[in-house]
Amino acid sequence: MKKVALVTGAGQGIGKAIALRLVKDGFAVAIADYNDATAKAVASEINQAGGHAVAVKVDVSDRDQVFAAVEQARKTLGGFDVIVNNAGIAQIKPLLEVTEEDLKQIYSVNVFSVFFGIQAAVEAFKKEGHGGKIINAASIAAIQGFPILSAYSTTKFAVRGLTQTAARDLAPLGITVNGYCPGIVGTGMWEQIDAELSKINGKPIGENFKEYSSSIALGRPSVPEDVAGLVSFLASPDSDYMTGQSLLIDGGMVFN
C-alpha cells in the first residue's frame, strides 16, 4: 500500500520539486496550494506520468482549511503518513519600516500554517492508528538573521523552535518532527527578494542574487531538487531515529 504525503505550496518551486520527488519515492501525494490552477497542473503532470496525486486548494493561514485539506488527502488517497509544511512567503523591508499588517500577514502564512499543519497531521495519524512524519520548511534565515529580512527571519526562527518543541511533545505518539533549511534557491521567491533588494540598494536586477550566491562554498546556488533530496530523506525510514532537527541544505553558506 502506498504511503500518503501532503505538501503545502506544492504548485511551484521547492514544493513542486518535493512533491515530484516523493512520488518518485513511491508516495501518493496531495498537491496543496492556494493557487488551484497550479496545483491541478502539478497533480495532472504526476498522474499522466503514472504517479498518484490529487490537487487540494487551501489557504494555509486558515486553520479549518488546513484540517479539511489533510482530511481530503487522507480520504481520497487512502491514508496519511507525512505532511510537508512547505508553504511560505518572503517580505523584504528595512526593520523600521515593517508594519503591524506586514507581521500579521507573514506570521499567518509562515508560522500559523505550520502550527495548523502539525495539528491536522496528528489528528490524521491518530485516525489511521499510527505515527507519522512532520516536516517543516525553515531557512538559513532560521539559523542566522539577514538584513532587510527581519520579519521573514523571525518567522523561520519560530518554525525552528516549533519543530523542536513539537518533536518533544509528539515523540510518545511515534511522530517525528524535523525541518529543512534551504539557502539561495533559484525560485520565484528569490526573484522577488532580488527585485525588492534592488529597489532598496539600487543594484541591477540579478546582482543581489549573484552577490549572495558568491558566498556559497560549493560554488552555485541551489535548485529545488537539492532541497527535495533532503526532504526525501526526512520522509523515509532512514530518518526514523531523527527528530527535532532543522537541517541546512545551502551548499555551504551558514555553518552551524
C-alpha atoms as a PDB file:
ATOM      1  CA  MET A   1       0.000   0.000   0.000  1.00  0.00           C
ATOM      2  CA  LYS A   2       1.361   3.411  -0.966  1.00  0.00           C
ATOM      3  CA  LYS A   3       2.230   5.861   1.761  1.00  0.00           C
ATOM      4  CA  VAL A   4       0.477   9.225   1.542  1.00  0.00           C
ATOM      5  CA  ALA A   5       2.017  12.686   1.852  1.00  0.00           C
ATOM      6  CA  LEU A   6       0.586  16.183   1.667  1.00  0.00           C
ATOM      7  CA  VAL A   7       2.844  19.033   0.572  1.00  0.00           C
ATOM      8  CA  THR A   8       1.719  22.645   1.012  1.00  0.00           C
ATOM      9  CA  GLY A   9       2.786  25.226  -1.537  1.00  0.00           C
ATOM     10  CA  ALA A  10       3.347  22.380  -3.990  1.00  0.00           C
ATOM     11  CA  GLY A  11       2.081  24.202  -7.068  1.00  0.00           C
ATOM     12  CA  GLN A  12       5.520  25.590  -7.883  1.00  0.00           C
ATOM     13  CA  GLY A  13       9.144  25.947  -6.827  1.00  0.00           C
ATOM     14  CA  ILE A  14      10.530  23.909  -3.966  1.00  0.00           C
ATOM     15  CA  GLY A  15       7.105  22.482  -3.098  1.00  0.00           C
ATOM     16  CA  LYS A  16       6.620  21.096  -6.585  1.00  0.00           C
ATOM     17  CA  ALA A  17      10.096  19.544  -6.565  1.00  0.00           C
ATOM     18  CA  ILE A  18       9.355  17.931  -3.201  1.00  0.00           C
ATOM     19  CA  ALA A  19       6.067  16.513  -4.466  1.00  0.00           C
ATOM     20  CA  LEU A  20       7.692  15.085  -7.593  1.00  0.00           C
ATOM     21  CA  ARG A  21      10.476  13.513  -5.533  1.00  0.00           C
ATOM     22  CA  LEU A  22       8.051  11.932  -3.067  1.00  0.00           C
ATOM     23  CA  VAL A  23       6.099  10.444  -5.970  1.00  0.00           C
ATOM     24  CA  LYS A  24       9.371   9.019  -7.272  1.00  0.00           C
ATOM     25  CA  ASP A  25       9.903   7.553  -3.795  1.00  0.00           C
ATOM     26  CA  GLY A  26       6.562   5.754  -4.053  1.00  0.00           C
ATOM     27  CA  PHE A  27       4.217   8.140  -2.248  1.00  0.00           C
ATOM     28  CA  ALA A  28       0.753   9.166  -3.290  1.00  0.00           C
ATOM     29  CA  VAL A  29       0.817  12.940  -2.876  1.00  0.00           C
ATOM     30  CA  ALA A  30      -1.705  15.681  -2.213  1.00  0.00           C
ATOM     31  CA  ILE A  31      -0.661  18.866  -4.023  1.00  0.00           C
ATOM     32  CA  ALA A  32      -1.921  21.541  -1.647  1.00  0.00           C
ATOM     33  CA  ASP A  33      -1.754  25.135  -2.836  1.00  0.00           C
ATOM     34  CA  TYR A  34      -3.659  28.413  -2.686  1.00  0.00           C
ATOM     35  CA  ASN A  35      -3.424  28.583  -6.477  1.00  0.00           C
ATOM     36  CA  ASP A  36      -5.866  25.931  -7.626  1.00  0.00           C
ATOM     37  CA  ALA A  37      -4.680  26.061 -11.242  1.00  0.00           C
ATOM     38  CA  THR A  38      -1.028  25.339 -10.477  1.00  0.00           C
ATOM     39  CA  ALA A  39      -1.973  22.608  -8.002  1.00  0.00           C
ATOM     40  CA  LYS A  40      -4.103  20.894 -10.641  1.00  0.00           C
ATOM     41  CA  ALA A  41      -1.322  21.243 -13.222  1.00  0.00           C
ATOM     42  CA  VAL A  42       1.218  19.533 -10.956  1.00  0.00           C
ATOM     43  CA  ALA A  43      -1.227  16.785  -9.995  1.00  0.00           C
ATOM     44  CA  SER A  44      -2.046  16.224 -13.672  1.00  0.00           C
ATOM     45  CA  GLU A  45       1.647  16.017 -14.551  1.00  0.00           C
ATOM     46  CA  ILE A  46       2.158  13.376 -11.876  1.00  0.00           C
ATOM     47  CA  ASN A  47      -0.889  11.317 -12.824  1.00  0.00           C
ATOM     48  CA  GLN A  48      -0.075  11.401 -16.535  1.00  0.00           C
ATOM     49  CA  ALA A  49       3.400  10.075 -15.715  1.00  0.00           C
ATOM     50  CA  GLY A  50       1.912   7.127 -13.847  1.00  0.00           C
ATOM     51  CA  GLY A  51       2.031   8.501 -10.318  1.00  0.00           C
ATOM     52  CA  HIS A  52      -0.851   9.134  -7.950  1.00  0.00           C
ATOM     53  CA  ALA A  53      -1.703  12.696  -6.923  1.00  0.00           C
ATOM     54  CA  VAL A  54      -4.665  14.872  -6.081  1.00  0.00           C
ATOM     55  CA  ALA A  55      -4.889  18.674  -6.104  1.00  0.00           C
ATOM     56  CA  VAL A  56      -6.198  20.365  -2.968  1.00  0.00           C
ATOM     57  CA  LYS A  57      -6.923  24.080  -2.811  1.00  0.00           C
ATOM     58  CA  VAL A  58      -6.038  25.530   0.600  1.00  0.00           C
ATOM     59  CA  ASP A  59      -5.299  28.812   2.305  1.00  0.00           C
ATOM     60  CA  VAL A  60      -2.702  27.637   4.818  1.00  0.00           C
ATOM     61  CA  SER A  61      -3.347  30.633   7.080  1.00  0.00           C
ATOM     62  CA  ASP A  62      -6.876  29.297   7.733  1.00  0.00           C
ATOM     63  CA  ARG A  63      -6.934  26.506  10.324  1.00  0.00           C
ATOM     64  CA  ASP A  64     -10.207  24.984   9.137  1.00  0.00           C
ATOM     65  CA  GLN A  65      -8.974  24.845   5.556  1.00  0.00           C
ATOM     66  CA  VAL A  66      -5.745  23.108   6.592  1.00  0.00           C
ATOM     67  CA  PHE A  67      -7.653  20.483   8.556  1.00  0.00           C
ATOM     68  CA  ALA A  68     -10.044  19.998   5.631  1.00  0.00           C
ATOM     69  CA  ALA A  69      -7.152  19.626   3.184  1.00  0.00           C
ATOM     70  CA  VAL A  70      -5.468  16.952   5.291  1.00  0.00           C
ATOM     71  CA  GLU A  71      -8.741  15.072   5.722  1.00  0.00           C
ATOM     72  CA  GLN A  72      -9.417  15.288   1.986  1.00  0.00           C
ATOM     73  CA  ALA A  73      -5.972  13.849   1.283  1.00  0.00           C
ATOM     74  CA  ARG A  74      -6.452  11.061   3.826  1.00  0.00           C
ATOM     75  CA  LYS A  75      -9.818  10.004   2.449  1.00  0.00           C
ATOM     76  CA  THR A  76      -9.030  10.442  -1.242  1.00  0.00           C
ATOM     77  CA  LEU A  77      -5.601   8.809  -1.203  1.00  0.00           C
ATOM     78  CA  GLY A  78      -6.394   6.162   1.395  1.00  0.00           C
ATOM     79  CA  GLY A  79      -4.191   7.030   4.335  1.00  0.00           C
ATOM     80  CA  PHE A  80      -1.867   9.648   5.780  1.00  0.00           C
ATOM     81  CA  ASP A  81       1.805   9.312   6.676  1.00  0.00           C
ATOM     82  CA  VAL A  82       3.704  12.551   6.019  1.00  0.00           C
ATOM     83  CA  ILE A  83       2.987  16.262   5.947  1.00  0.00           C
ATOM     84  CA  VAL A  84       5.437  18.751   4.477  1.00  0.00           C
ATOM     85  CA  ASN A  85       4.615  22.243   5.733  1.00  0.00           C
ATOM     86  CA  ASN A  86       6.393  23.936   2.856  1.00  0.00           C
ATOM     87  CA  ALA A  87       4.245  26.976   2.011  1.00  0.00           C
ATOM     88  CA  GLY A  88       5.712  30.349   2.856  1.00  0.00           C
ATOM     89  CA  ILE A  89       6.166  33.938   1.742  1.00  0.00           C
ATOM     90  CA  ALA A  90       9.004  36.450   1.928  1.00  0.00           C
ATOM     91  CA  GLN A  91       8.974  40.088   2.955  1.00  0.00           C
ATOM     92  CA  ILE A  92      11.810  42.421   2.108  1.00  0.00           C
ATOM     93  CA  LYS A  93      11.728  45.605   4.169  1.00  0.00           C
ATOM     94  CA  PRO A  94      14.086  47.546   6.396  1.00  0.00           C
ATOM     95  CA  LEU A  95      13.413  46.713  10.037  1.00  0.00           C
ATOM     96  CA  LEU A  96      12.000  50.128  10.916  1.00  0.00           C
ATOM     97  CA  GLU A  97       9.530  50.046   8.026  1.00  0.00           C
ATOM     98  CA  VAL A  98       7.849  46.742   8.949  1.00  0.00           C
ATOM     99  CA  THR A  99       4.203  47.370   9.834  1.00  0.00           C
ATOM    100  CA  GLU A 100       1.749  45.533  12.040  1.00  0.00           C
ATOM    101  CA  GLU A 101      -0.069  44.343   8.929  1.00  0.00           C
ATOM    102  CA  ASP A 102       3.194  43.046   7.467  1.00  0.00           C
ATOM    103  CA  LEU A 103       3.781  40.983  10.588  1.00  0.00           C
ATOM    104  CA  LYS A 104       0.231  39.634  10.699  1.00  0.00           C
ATOM    105  CA  GLN A 105       0.473  38.550   7.064  1.00  0.00           C
ATOM    106  CA  ILE A 106       3.842  36.833   7.204  1.00  0.00           C
ATOM    107  CA  TYR A 107       3.236  35.147  10.556  1.00  0.00           C
ATOM    108  CA  SER A 108      -0.142  33.824   9.410  1.00  0.00           C
ATOM    109  CA  VAL A 109       1.437  32.138   6.384  1.00  0.00           C
ATOM    110  CA  ASN A 110       4.867  31.149   7.692  1.00  0.00           C
ATOM    111  CA  VAL A 111       4.149  30.243  11.322  1.00  0.00           C
ATOM    112  CA  PHE A 112       0.439  29.770  11.946  1.00  0.00           C
ATOM    113  CA  SER A 113       0.228  27.437   8.951  1.00  0.00           C
ATOM    114  CA  VAL A 114       2.902  25.183  10.440  1.00  0.00           C
ATOM    115  CA  PHE A 115       1.011  25.012  13.743  1.00  0.00           C
ATOM    116  CA  PHE A 116      -2.180  24.140  11.863  1.00  0.00           C
ATOM    117  CA  GLY A 117      -0.389  21.589   9.680  1.00  0.00           C
ATOM    118  CA  ILE A 118       1.098  19.871  12.714  1.00  0.00           C
ATOM    119  CA  GLN A 119      -2.263  19.742  14.489  1.00  0.00           C
ATOM    120  CA  ALA A 120      -4.094  18.463  11.415  1.00  0.00           C
ATOM    121  CA  ALA A 121      -1.459  15.822  10.710  1.00  0.00           C
ATOM    122  CA  VAL A 122      -1.594  14.492  14.263  1.00  0.00           C
ATOM    123  CA  GLU A 123      -5.365  14.174  14.012  1.00  0.00           C
ATOM    124  CA  ALA A 124      -4.967  12.236  10.735  1.00  0.00           C
ATOM    125  CA  PHE A 125      -2.249   9.974  12.155  1.00  0.00           C
ATOM    126  CA  LYS A 126      -4.497   9.146  15.110  1.00  0.00           C
ATOM    127  CA  LYS A 127      -7.377   8.276  12.777  1.00  0.00           C
ATOM    128  CA  GLU A 128      -5.054   5.958  10.881  1.00  0.00           C
ATOM    129  CA  GLY A 129      -3.828   4.391  14.127  1.00  0.00           C
ATOM    130  CA  HIS A 130      -0.118   5.028  13.673  1.00  0.00           C
ATOM    131  CA  GLY A 131       2.603   7.631  13.973  1.00  0.00           C
ATOM    132  CA  GLY A 132       4.000   9.677  11.128  1.00  0.00           C
ATOM    133  CA  LYS A 133       6.412  12.305   9.958  1.00  0.00           C
ATOM    134  CA  ILE A 134       6.041  16.072  10.086  1.00  0.00           C
ATOM    135  CA  ILE A 135       8.500  18.085   8.003  1.00  0.00           C
ATOM    136  CA  ASN A 136       8.662  21.860   8.236  1.00  0.00           C
ATOM    137  CA  ALA A 137      10.213  24.483   5.961  1.00  0.00           C
ATOM    138  CA  ALA A 138      12.682  26.657   7.828  1.00  0.00           C
ATOM    139  CA  SER A 139      15.575  28.503   6.145  1.00  0.00           C
ATOM    140  CA  ILE A 140      19.173  29.569   6.565  1.00  0.00           C
ATOM    141  CA  ALA A 141      17.401  32.638   7.975  1.00  0.00           C
ATOM    142  CA  ALA A 142      16.310  30.376  10.856  1.00  0.00           C
ATOM    143  CA  ILE A 143      19.956  29.889  11.799  1.00  0.00           C
ATOM    144  CA  GLN A 144      21.331  33.354  11.094  1.00  0.00           C
ATOM    145  CA  GLY A 145      19.455  36.639  10.776  1.00  0.00           C
ATOM    146  CA  PHE A 146      19.751  38.514   7.487  1.00  0.00           C
ATOM    147  CA  PRO A 147      19.421  42.276   6.945  1.00  0.00           C
ATOM    148  CA  ILE A 148      16.252  43.523   5.221  1.00  0.00           C
ATOM    149  CA  LEU A 149      14.658  40.161   6.045  1.00  0.00           C
ATOM    150  CA  SER A 150      13.866  40.829   9.706  1.00  0.00           C
ATOM    151  CA  ALA A 151      10.225  39.696   9.659  1.00  0.00           C
ATOM    152  CA  TYR A 152      10.970  36.685   7.466  1.00  0.00           C
ATOM    153  CA  SER A 153      13.923  35.642   9.635  1.00  0.00           C
ATOM    154  CA  THR A 154      11.860  35.787  12.815  1.00  0.00           C
ATOM    155  CA  THR A 155       9.176  33.563  11.292  1.00  0.00           C
ATOM    156  CA  LYS A 156      11.759  30.981  10.339  1.00  0.00           C
ATOM    157  CA  PHE A 157      13.373  31.096  13.791  1.00  0.00           C
ATOM    158  CA  ALA A 158       9.856  30.453  15.102  1.00  0.00           C
ATOM    159  CA  VAL A 159       9.437  27.428  12.816  1.00  0.00           C
ATOM    160  CA  ARG A 160      12.760  26.048  14.013  1.00  0.00           C
ATOM    161  CA  GLY A 161      11.669  26.456  17.644  1.00  0.00           C
ATOM    162  CA  LEU A 162       8.264  24.936  16.947  1.00  0.00           C
ATOM    163  CA  THR A 163       9.957  21.975  15.281  1.00  0.00           C
ATOM    164  CA  GLN A 164      11.936  21.317  18.463  1.00  0.00           C
ATOM    165  CA  THR A 165       9.012  21.676  20.858  1.00  0.00           C
ATOM    166  CA  ALA A 166       6.631  19.643  18.690  1.00  0.00           C
ATOM    167  CA  ALA A 167       9.250  16.895  18.452  1.00  0.00           C
ATOM    168  CA  ARG A 168       9.299  16.605  22.238  1.00  0.00           C
ATOM    169  CA  ASP A 169       5.507  16.754  22.566  1.00  0.00           C
ATOM    170  CA  LEU A 170       4.770  14.229  19.832  1.00  0.00           C
ATOM    171  CA  ALA A 171       7.530  11.643  20.294  1.00  0.00           C
ATOM    172  CA  PRO A 172       5.356   9.492  22.608  1.00  0.00           C
ATOM    173  CA  LEU A 173       2.878   9.178  19.735  1.00  0.00           C
ATOM    174  CA  GLY A 174       5.510   7.805  17.373  1.00  0.00           C
ATOM    175  CA  ILE A 175       5.643  11.061  15.411  1.00  0.00           C
ATOM    176  CA  THR A 176       8.894  12.687  14.330  1.00  0.00           C
ATOM    177  CA  VAL A 177       9.172  16.400  13.552  1.00  0.00           C
ATOM    178  CA  ASN A 178      12.071  17.806  11.545  1.00  0.00           C
ATOM    179  CA  GLY A 179      12.822  20.801   9.389  1.00  0.00           C
ATOM    180  CA  TYR A 180      14.841  21.743   6.331  1.00  0.00           C
ATOM    181  CA  CYS A 181      16.741  24.984   5.892  1.00  0.00           C
ATOM    182  CA  PRO A 182      17.338  25.952   2.257  1.00  0.00           C
ATOM    183  CA  GLY A 183      19.758  28.687   1.240  1.00  0.00           C
ATOM    184  CA  ILE A 184      19.757  30.560  -2.052  1.00  0.00           C
ATOM    185  CA  VAL A 185      17.374  28.669  -4.324  1.00  0.00           C
ATOM    186  CA  GLY A 186      16.592  29.743  -7.877  1.00  0.00           C
ATOM    187  CA  THR A 187      12.819  30.105  -7.473  1.00  0.00           C
ATOM    188  CA  GLY A 188      10.183  32.799  -7.803  1.00  0.00           C
ATOM    189  CA  MET A 189      10.675  33.742  -4.161  1.00  0.00           C
ATOM    190  CA  TRP A 190      14.304  34.656  -4.771  1.00  0.00           C
ATOM    191  CA  GLU A 191      13.355  36.594  -7.881  1.00  0.00           C
ATOM    192  CA  GLN A 192      11.052  38.615  -5.610  1.00  0.00           C
ATOM    193  CA  ILE A 193      13.764  39.096  -2.993  1.00  0.00           C
ATOM    194  CA  ASP A 194      16.251  40.181  -5.652  1.00  0.00           C
ATOM    195  CA  ALA A 195      13.808  42.691  -7.138  1.00  0.00           C
ATOM    196  CA  GLU A 196      12.910  44.187  -3.768  1.00  0.00           C
ATOM    197  CA  LEU A 197      16.543  44.433  -2.702  1.00  0.00           C
ATOM    198  CA  SER A 198      17.248  46.185  -5.995  1.00  0.00           C
ATOM    199  CA  LYS A 199      14.677  48.861  -5.125  1.00  0.00           C
ATOM    200  CA  ILE A 200      16.362  49.400  -1.767  1.00  0.00           C
ATOM    201  CA  ASN A 201      20.038  49.367  -2.726  1.00  0.00           C
ATOM    202  CA  GLY A 202      19.831  50.382  -6.377  1.00  0.00           C
ATOM    203  CA  LYS A 203      21.772  47.393  -7.684  1.00  0.00           C
ATOM    204  CA  PRO A 204      20.726  45.987 -11.085  1.00  0.00           C
ATOM    205  CA  ILE A 205      18.231  43.117 -11.166  1.00  0.00           C
ATOM    206  CA  GLY A 206      20.141  39.889 -10.667  1.00  0.00           C
ATOM    207  CA  GLU A 207      23.109  41.484  -8.919  1.00  0.00           C
ATOM    208  CA  ASN A 208      21.888  40.787  -5.380  1.00  0.00           C
ATOM    209  CA  PHE A 209      21.201  37.161  -6.239  1.00  0.00           C
ATOM    210  CA  LYS A 210      24.693  36.924  -7.717  1.00  0.00           C
ATOM    211  CA  GLU A 211      26.336  38.530  -4.687  1.00  0.00           C
ATOM    212  CA  TYR A 212      24.509  36.329  -2.168  1.00  0.00           C
ATOM    213  CA  SER A 213      25.350  33.260  -4.253  1.00  0.00           C
ATOM    214  CA  SER A 214      29.044  34.146  -4.388  1.00  0.00           C
ATOM    215  CA  SER A 215      29.455  33.128  -0.738  1.00  0.00           C
ATOM    216  CA  ILE A 216      28.291  29.536  -1.355  1.00  0.00           C
ATOM    217  CA  ALA A 217      31.158  27.125  -0.731  1.00  0.00           C
ATOM    218  CA  LEU A 218      30.050  24.672  -3.419  1.00  0.00           C
ATOM    219  CA  GLY A 219      30.090  27.441  -5.997  1.00  0.00           C
ATOM    220  CA  ARG A 220      26.488  27.543  -7.190  1.00  0.00           C
ATOM    221  CA  PRO A 221      23.014  28.467  -5.958  1.00  0.00           C
ATOM    222  CA  SER A 222      20.796  25.503  -5.256  1.00  0.00           C
ATOM    223  CA  VAL A 223      17.940  24.229  -7.342  1.00  0.00           C
ATOM    224  CA  PRO A 224      14.653  22.958  -5.867  1.00  0.00           C
ATOM    225  CA  GLU A 225      15.713  19.361  -6.451  1.00  0.00           C
ATOM    226  CA  ASP A 226      18.599  19.810  -3.978  1.00  0.00           C
ATOM    227  CA  VAL A 227      16.084  20.613  -1.249  1.00  0.00           C
ATOM    228  CA  ALA A 228      13.744  17.833  -2.357  1.00  0.00           C
ATOM    229  CA  GLY A 229      16.524  15.302  -1.840  1.00  0.00           C
ATOM    230  CA  LEU A 230      16.789  16.252   1.826  1.00  0.00           C
ATOM    231  CA  VAL A 231      13.018  16.133   2.304  1.00  0.00           C
ATOM    232  CA  SER A 232      13.036  12.695   0.690  1.00  0.00           C
ATOM    233  CA  PHE A 233      15.412  11.546   3.434  1.00  0.00           C
ATOM    234  CA  LEU A 234      13.282  13.128   6.157  1.00  0.00           C
ATOM    235  CA  ALA A 235      10.184  11.372   4.776  1.00  0.00           C
ATOM    236  CA  SER A 236      11.924   7.998   4.570  1.00  0.00           C
ATOM    237  CA  PRO A 237      12.588   5.273   7.165  1.00  0.00           C
ATOM    238  CA  ASP A 238      16.259   6.337   7.083  1.00  0.00           C
ATOM    239  CA  SER A 239      15.358   9.295   9.332  1.00  0.00           C
ATOM    240  CA  ASP A 240      13.250   7.319  11.812  1.00  0.00           C
ATOM    241  CA  TYR A 241      15.710   7.991  14.658  1.00  0.00           C
ATOM    242  CA  MET A 242      15.909  11.739  13.981  1.00  0.00           C
ATOM    243  CA  THR A 243      13.568  14.290  15.485  1.00  0.00           C
ATOM    244  CA  GLY A 244      13.629  17.960  16.447  1.00  0.00           C
ATOM    245  CA  GLN A 245      16.329  18.805  13.910  1.00  0.00           C
ATOM    246  CA  SER A 246      16.401  21.583  11.307  1.00  0.00           C
ATOM    247  CA  LEU A 247      18.954  20.617   8.688  1.00  0.00           C
ATOM    248  CA  LEU A 248      20.815  23.103   6.500  1.00  0.00           C
ATOM    249  CA  ILE A 249      20.798  22.434   2.762  1.00  0.00           C
ATOM    250  CA  ASP A 250      22.565  25.525   1.444  1.00  0.00           C
ATOM    251  CA  GLY A 251      25.706  24.422  -0.382  1.00  0.00           C
ATOM    252  CA  GLY A 252      27.855  25.799   2.424  1.00  0.00           C
ATOM    253  CA  MET A 253      26.708  29.309   3.331  1.00  0.00           C
ATOM    254  CA  VAL A 254      25.930  29.035   7.031  1.00  0.00           C
ATOM    255  CA  PHE A 255      27.836  26.608   9.230  1.00  0.00           C
ATOM    256  CA  ASN A 256      26.096  25.559  12.423  1.00  0.00           C
END
